[in-house]
Amino acid sequence: MSNPLPPKQAAEFLGCSVDQLRRLDRAGEIPSVNIGLGKVRQRRVYHLEDLQAFKLRRSNSSRLQAPQQIQPATYQPRWS
């Protein structure tokens, strides 16, 4: 395992904000390690391997692909 990254560096690696990183952590999408004092004084760090795996999962996700080109409907008058 690599050296753990603090939240700011982990967020920069993912290209998101620290708040978004924390939300992903709370949602269970990114694992973290608490190196603080339990629940009283938490200090989370993130392993590079976990962040890379998250990026890979997100890049393979079908919901993040660009939407297909939608052809505009042609106008057909009702009365002709």
C-alpha atoms as a PDB file:
ATOM      1  CA  MET A   1       0.000   0.000   0.000  1.00  0.00           C
ATOM      2  CA  SER A   2       1.096   3.516  -0.710  1.00  0.00           C
ATOM      3  CA  ASN A   3       1.371   6.346   1.752  1.00  0.00           C
ATOM      4  CA  PRO A   4      -2.085   7.621   2.642  1.00  0.00           C
ATOM      5  CA  LEU A   5      -3.206  10.958   1.232  1.00  0.00           C
ATOM      6  CA  PRO A   6      -4.873  13.679   3.290  1.00  0.00           C
ATOM      7  CA  PRO A   7      -8.326  14.805   2.133  1.00  0.00           C
ATOM      8  CA  LYS A   8      -7.093  17.843   0.208  1.00  0.00           C
ATOM      9  CA  GLN A   9      -4.644  15.829  -1.904  1.00  0.00           C
ATOM     10  CA  ALA A  10      -7.172  13.024  -2.407  1.00  0.00           C
ATOM     11  CA  ALA A  11      -9.767  15.534  -3.616  1.00  0.00           C
ATOM     12  CA  GLU A  12      -7.252  17.086  -6.017  1.00  0.00           C
ATOM     13  CA  PHE A  13      -6.447  13.620  -7.378  1.00  0.00           C
ATOM     14  CA  LEU A  14     -10.138  12.968  -8.029  1.00  0.00           C
ATOM     15  CA  GLY A  15     -10.798  16.462  -9.331  1.00  0.00           C
ATOM     16  CA  CYS A  16     -13.477  17.278  -6.780  1.00  0.00           C
ATOM     17  CA  SER A  17     -13.869  19.341  -3.633  1.00  0.00           C
ATOM     18  CA  VAL A  18     -13.016  18.127  -0.144  1.00  0.00           C
ATOM     19  CA  ASP A  19     -16.722  18.342   0.745  1.00  0.00           C
ATOM     20  CA  GLN A  20     -17.622  16.074  -2.178  1.00  0.00           C
ATOM     21  CA  LEU A  21     -14.892  13.641  -1.137  1.00  0.00           C
ATOM     22  CA  ARG A  22     -16.336  13.514   2.378  1.00  0.00           C
ATOM     23  CA  ARG A  23     -19.826  12.891   0.995  1.00  0.00           C
ATOM     24  CA  LEU A  24     -18.503  10.022  -1.115  1.00  0.00           C
ATOM     25  CA  ASP A  25     -16.735   8.664   1.960  1.00  0.00           C
ATOM     26  CA  ARG A  26     -19.911   8.811   4.078  1.00  0.00           C
ATOM     27  CA  ALA A  27     -21.870   7.142   1.265  1.00  0.00           C
ATOM     28  CA  GLY A  28     -19.380   4.253   1.310  1.00  0.00           C
ATOM     29  CA  GLU A  29     -18.141   4.794  -2.243  1.00  0.00           C
ATOM     30  CA  ILE A  30     -14.557   5.549  -1.205  1.00  0.00           C
ATOM     31  CA  PRO A  31     -12.930   3.740   1.711  1.00  0.00           C
ATOM     32  CA  SER A  32     -10.957   5.779   4.203  1.00  0.00           C
ATOM     33  CA  VAL A  33      -8.895   5.175   7.313  1.00  0.00           C
ATOM     34  CA  ASN A  34      -9.490   7.114  10.516  1.00  0.00           C
ATOM     35  CA  ILE A  35      -6.128   7.939  12.078  1.00  0.00           C
ATOM     36  CA  GLY A  36      -7.585  10.391  14.584  1.00  0.00           C
ATOM     37  CA  LEU A  37      -9.003   9.857  18.044  1.00  0.00           C
ATOM     38  CA  GLY A  38     -12.024   7.697  17.280  1.00  0.00           C
ATOM     39  CA  LYS A  39     -15.307   9.543  16.842  1.00  0.00           C
ATOM     40  CA  VAL A  40     -14.235  12.462  19.008  1.00  0.00           C
ATOM     41  CA  ARG A  41     -11.560  13.777  16.682  1.00  0.00           C
ATOM     42  CA  GLN A  42     -11.586  12.085  13.330  1.00  0.00           C
ATOM     43  CA  ARG A  43      -8.808  12.477  10.809  1.00  0.00           C
ATOM     44  CA  ARG A  44      -9.398  10.576   7.606  1.00  0.00           C
ATOM     45  CA  VAL A  45      -6.798   9.582   5.038  1.00  0.00           C
ATOM     46  CA  TYR A  46      -7.232   7.860   1.685  1.00  0.00           C
ATOM     47  CA  HIS A  47      -5.086   5.267  -0.072  1.00  0.00           C
ATOM     48  CA  LEU A  48      -4.131   5.960  -3.673  1.00  0.00           C
ATOM     49  CA  GLU A  49      -5.159   2.447  -4.765  1.00  0.00           C
ATOM     50  CA  ASP A  50      -8.701   3.027  -3.448  1.00  0.00           C
ATOM     51  CA  LEU A  51      -8.929   6.377  -5.238  1.00  0.00           C
ATOM     52  CA  GLN A  52      -7.723   4.838  -8.512  1.00  0.00           C
ATOM     53  CA  ALA A  53     -10.272   2.018  -8.181  1.00  0.00           C
ATOM     54  CA  PHE A  54     -13.022   4.585  -7.599  1.00  0.00           C
ATOM     55  CA  LYS A  55     -12.001   6.561 -10.701  1.00  0.00           C
ATOM     56  CA  LEU A  56     -11.989   3.355 -12.744  1.00  0.00           C
ATOM     57  CA  ARG A  57     -15.465   2.397 -11.505  1.00  0.00           C
ATOM     58  CA  ARG A  58     -16.772   5.855 -12.336  1.00  0.00           C
ATOM     59  CA  SER A  59     -15.197   5.890 -15.794  1.00  0.00           C
ATOM     60  CA  ASN A  60     -16.813   2.531 -16.625  1.00  0.00           C
ATOM     61  CA  SER A  61     -20.208   3.610 -15.327  1.00  0.00           C
ATOM     62  CA  SER A  62     -22.857   3.816 -18.016  1.00  0.00           C
ATOM     63  CA  ARG A  63     -24.718   6.634 -16.294  1.00  0.00           C
ATOM     64  CA  LEU A  64     -21.815   9.016 -16.843  1.00  0.00           C
ATOM     65  CA  GLN A  65     -21.647   8.507 -20.586  1.00  0.00           C
ATOM     66  CA  ALA A  66     -22.739  11.328 -22.817  1.00  0.00           C
ATOM     67  CA  PRO A  67     -26.385  11.143 -23.844  1.00  0.00           C
ATOM     68  CA  GLN A  68     -27.149  10.013 -27.354  1.00  0.00           C
ATOM     69  CA  GLN A  69     -27.957  12.625 -29.953  1.00  0.00           C
ATOM     70  CA  ILE A  70     -31.709  13.128 -30.021  1.00  0.00           C
ATOM     71  CA  GLN A  71     -33.199  14.035 -33.355  1.00  0.00           C
ATOM     72  CA  PRO A  72     -35.575  16.978 -33.119  1.00  0.00           C
ATOM     73  CA  ALA A  73     -39.163  16.135 -33.881  1.00  0.00           C
ATOM     74  CA  THR A  74     -40.387  17.351 -37.226  1.00  0.00           C
ATOM     75  CA  TYR A  75     -43.385  19.615 -37.137  1.00  0.00           C
ATOM     76  CA  GLN A  76     -46.511  18.168 -38.694  1.00  0.00           C
ATOM     77  CA  PRO A  77     -49.567  20.375 -38.528  1.00  0.00           C
ATOM     78  CA  ARG A  78     -52.738  18.692 -37.298  1.00  0.00           C
ATOM     79  CA  TRP A  79     -54.922  20.400 -39.893  1.00  0.00           C
ATOM     80  CA  SER A  80     -53.935  20.295 -43.481  1.00  0.00           C
END
